[in-house]
Amino acid sequence: MLIATIDRVLTWVEANLPASIPAAARQSTRAGCVAPRDQIRTEADSIRAQRAAKGLENR
């Protein structure tokens, strides 16, 4: 669910970010969202296991 939300944000930003923002800033902003999304995707099983071990709900 979080990954899908981040993907929607990235799509929105790409479509709505003002052209006046420099390309380097655009890339940096995108990288700032992509890196945690990819980390969450890579570590999803571990995150679920940690939450379950603490008695927390996995959605």
N, C-alpha and C. Protein backbone atom coordinates (compact mmCIF):
# COMPACT_ATOMS: atom_id res chain seq x y z
N MET A 1 0.82 -1.18 0.00
CA MET A 1 0.00 0.00 0.00
C MET A 1 0.88 1.26 0.00
N LEU A 2 1.91 1.28 0.83
CA LEU A 2 2.79 2.44 0.86
C LEU A 2 3.53 2.60 -0.46
N ILE A 3 3.95 1.49 -1.04
CA ILE A 3 4.66 1.54 -2.32
C ILE A 3 3.75 2.13 -3.39
N ALA A 4 2.50 1.73 -3.42
CA ALA A 4 1.55 2.27 -4.40
C ALA A 4 1.34 3.76 -4.19
N THR A 5 1.30 4.19 -2.93
CA THR A 5 1.14 5.62 -2.64
C THR A 5 2.34 6.40 -3.13
N ILE A 6 3.53 5.89 -2.87
CA ILE A 6 4.75 6.57 -3.34
C ILE A 6 4.75 6.63 -4.86
N ASP A 7 4.35 5.55 -5.53
CA ASP A 7 4.29 5.56 -6.99
C ASP A 7 3.31 6.61 -7.51
N ARG A 8 2.16 6.75 -6.83
CA ARG A 8 1.19 7.77 -7.24
C ARG A 8 1.76 9.18 -7.04
N VAL A 9 2.48 9.37 -5.95
CA VAL A 9 3.11 10.67 -5.70
C VAL A 9 4.13 10.97 -6.80
N LEU A 10 4.95 10.01 -7.14
CA LEU A 10 5.94 10.21 -8.20
C LEU A 10 5.29 10.56 -9.52
N THR A 11 4.20 9.89 -9.84
CA THR A 11 3.47 10.18 -11.08
C THR A 11 2.91 11.59 -11.05
N TRP A 12 2.33 11.98 -9.91
CA TRP A 12 1.76 13.32 -9.79
C TRP A 12 2.84 14.38 -9.91
N VAL A 13 3.94 14.18 -9.21
CA VAL A 13 5.03 15.15 -9.23
C VAL A 13 5.56 15.32 -10.64
N GLU A 14 5.74 14.21 -11.34
CA GLU A 14 6.25 14.29 -12.71
C GLU A 14 5.32 15.09 -13.61
N ALA A 15 4.03 14.95 -13.40
CA ALA A 15 3.05 15.64 -14.24
C ALA A 15 2.83 17.09 -13.82
N ASN A 16 3.12 17.43 -12.57
CA ASN A 16 2.73 18.74 -12.06
C ASN A 16 3.87 19.63 -11.58
N LEU A 17 5.08 19.14 -11.56
CA LEU A 17 6.19 19.95 -11.10
C LEU A 17 6.45 21.07 -12.09
N PRO A 18 6.56 22.30 -11.63
CA PRO A 18 6.77 23.42 -12.55
C PRO A 18 8.05 23.25 -13.37
N ALA A 19 7.97 23.64 -14.62
CA ALA A 19 9.12 23.54 -15.52
C ALA A 19 10.28 24.42 -15.06
N SER A 20 9.99 25.39 -14.22
CA SER A 20 11.03 26.30 -13.74
C SER A 20 11.99 25.64 -12.75
N ILE A 21 11.63 24.46 -12.26
CA ILE A 21 12.51 23.75 -11.33
C ILE A 21 13.61 23.06 -12.14
N PRO A 22 14.88 23.30 -11.78
CA PRO A 22 15.99 22.72 -12.54
C PRO A 22 15.94 21.19 -12.57
N ALA A 23 16.46 20.63 -13.66
CA ALA A 23 16.46 19.18 -13.85
C ALA A 23 17.15 18.46 -12.69
N ALA A 24 18.25 19.01 -12.21
CA ALA A 24 18.98 18.37 -11.11
C ALA A 24 18.11 18.29 -9.85
N ALA A 25 17.35 19.33 -9.60
CA ALA A 25 16.45 19.34 -8.43
C ALA A 25 15.34 18.32 -8.61
N ARG A 26 14.84 18.20 -9.83
CA ARG A 26 13.80 17.21 -10.12
C ARG A 26 14.33 15.80 -9.86
N GLN A 27 15.54 15.53 -10.35
CA GLN A 27 16.14 14.21 -10.18
C GLN A 27 16.40 13.91 -8.71
N SER A 28 16.86 14.91 -7.98
CA SER A 28 17.14 14.73 -6.56
C SER A 28 15.85 14.44 -5.79
N THR A 29 14.80 15.17 -6.12
CA THR A 29 13.51 14.97 -5.47
C THR A 29 12.99 13.56 -5.76
N ARG A 30 13.09 13.15 -7.01
CA ARG A 30 12.63 11.81 -7.39
C ARG A 30 13.44 10.74 -6.66
N ALA A 31 14.74 10.91 -6.62
CA ALA A 31 15.61 9.94 -5.95
C ALA A 31 15.27 9.84 -4.47
N GLY A 32 14.88 10.97 -3.88
CA GLY A 32 14.51 10.99 -2.47
C GLY A 32 13.25 10.18 -2.18
N CYS A 33 12.43 9.97 -3.18
CA CYS A 33 11.22 9.14 -3.03
C CYS A 33 11.47 7.70 -3.48
N VAL A 34 12.27 7.55 -4.52
CA VAL A 34 12.50 6.22 -5.09
C VAL A 34 13.33 5.34 -4.14
N ALA A 35 14.34 5.91 -3.51
CA ALA A 35 15.22 5.12 -2.65
C ALA A 35 14.46 4.44 -1.51
N PRO A 36 13.66 5.20 -0.72
CA PRO A 36 12.93 4.51 0.35
C PRO A 36 11.88 3.53 -0.18
N ARG A 37 11.25 3.87 -1.32
CA ARG A 37 10.27 2.95 -1.90
C ARG A 37 10.94 1.62 -2.24
N ASP A 38 12.11 1.70 -2.88
CA ASP A 38 12.82 0.48 -3.26
C ASP A 38 13.29 -0.30 -2.04
N GLN A 39 13.71 0.41 -1.00
CA GLN A 39 14.14 -0.25 0.23
C GLN A 39 12.97 -0.98 0.88
N ILE A 40 11.82 -0.33 0.93
CA ILE A 40 10.62 -0.97 1.50
C ILE A 40 10.27 -2.21 0.70
N ARG A 41 10.33 -2.11 -0.62
CA ARG A 41 10.01 -3.25 -1.48
C ARG A 41 10.99 -4.40 -1.22
N THR A 42 12.27 -4.09 -1.13
CA THR A 42 13.30 -5.11 -0.93
C THR A 42 13.18 -5.78 0.43
N GLU A 43 12.83 -4.98 1.44
CA GLU A 43 12.80 -5.49 2.81
C GLU A 43 11.39 -5.82 3.32
N ALA A 44 10.44 -5.94 2.42
CA ALA A 44 9.04 -6.13 2.82
C ALA A 44 8.84 -7.34 3.74
N ASP A 45 9.44 -8.47 3.39
CA ASP A 45 9.27 -9.67 4.22
C ASP A 45 9.87 -9.47 5.61
N SER A 46 11.02 -8.84 5.66
CA SER A 46 11.67 -8.58 6.94
C SER A 46 10.85 -7.60 7.79
N ILE A 47 10.31 -6.58 7.16
CA ILE A 47 9.47 -5.60 7.86
C ILE A 47 8.24 -6.29 8.44
N ARG A 48 7.60 -7.14 7.64
CA ARG A 48 6.42 -7.87 8.12
C ARG A 48 6.77 -8.76 9.31
N ALA A 49 7.90 -9.45 9.21
CA ALA A 49 8.32 -10.34 10.29
C ALA A 49 8.60 -9.56 11.57
N GLN A 50 9.25 -8.41 11.45
CA GLN A 50 9.53 -7.58 12.62
C GLN A 50 8.24 -7.09 13.27
N ARG A 51 7.29 -6.67 12.45
CA ARG A 51 6.00 -6.19 12.99
C ARG A 51 5.26 -7.33 13.69
N ALA A 52 5.25 -8.50 13.07
CA ALA A 52 4.57 -9.65 13.67
C ALA A 52 5.22 -10.03 15.00
N ALA A 53 6.55 -9.98 15.05
CA ALA A 53 7.26 -10.31 16.28
C ALA A 53 6.92 -9.35 17.42
N LYS A 54 6.55 -8.14 17.07
CA LYS A 54 6.20 -7.13 18.08
C LYS A 54 4.69 -7.09 18.34
N GLY A 55 3.97 -8.02 17.71
CA GLY A 55 2.53 -8.08 17.91
C GLY A 55 1.75 -7.01 17.16
N LEU A 56 2.37 -6.43 16.14
CA LEU A 56 1.72 -5.38 15.37
C LEU A 56 1.05 -5.96 14.13
N GLU A 57 0.02 -5.29 13.69
CA GLU A 57 -0.74 -5.71 12.52
C GLU A 57 0.06 -5.45 11.24
N ASN A 58 -0.04 -6.39 10.32
CA ASN A 58 0.53 -6.21 8.98
C ASN A 58 -0.62 -6.03 8.02
N ARG A 59 -0.61 -4.92 7.31
CA ARG A 59 -1.69 -4.66 6.36
C ARG A 59 -1.19 -4.71 4.96
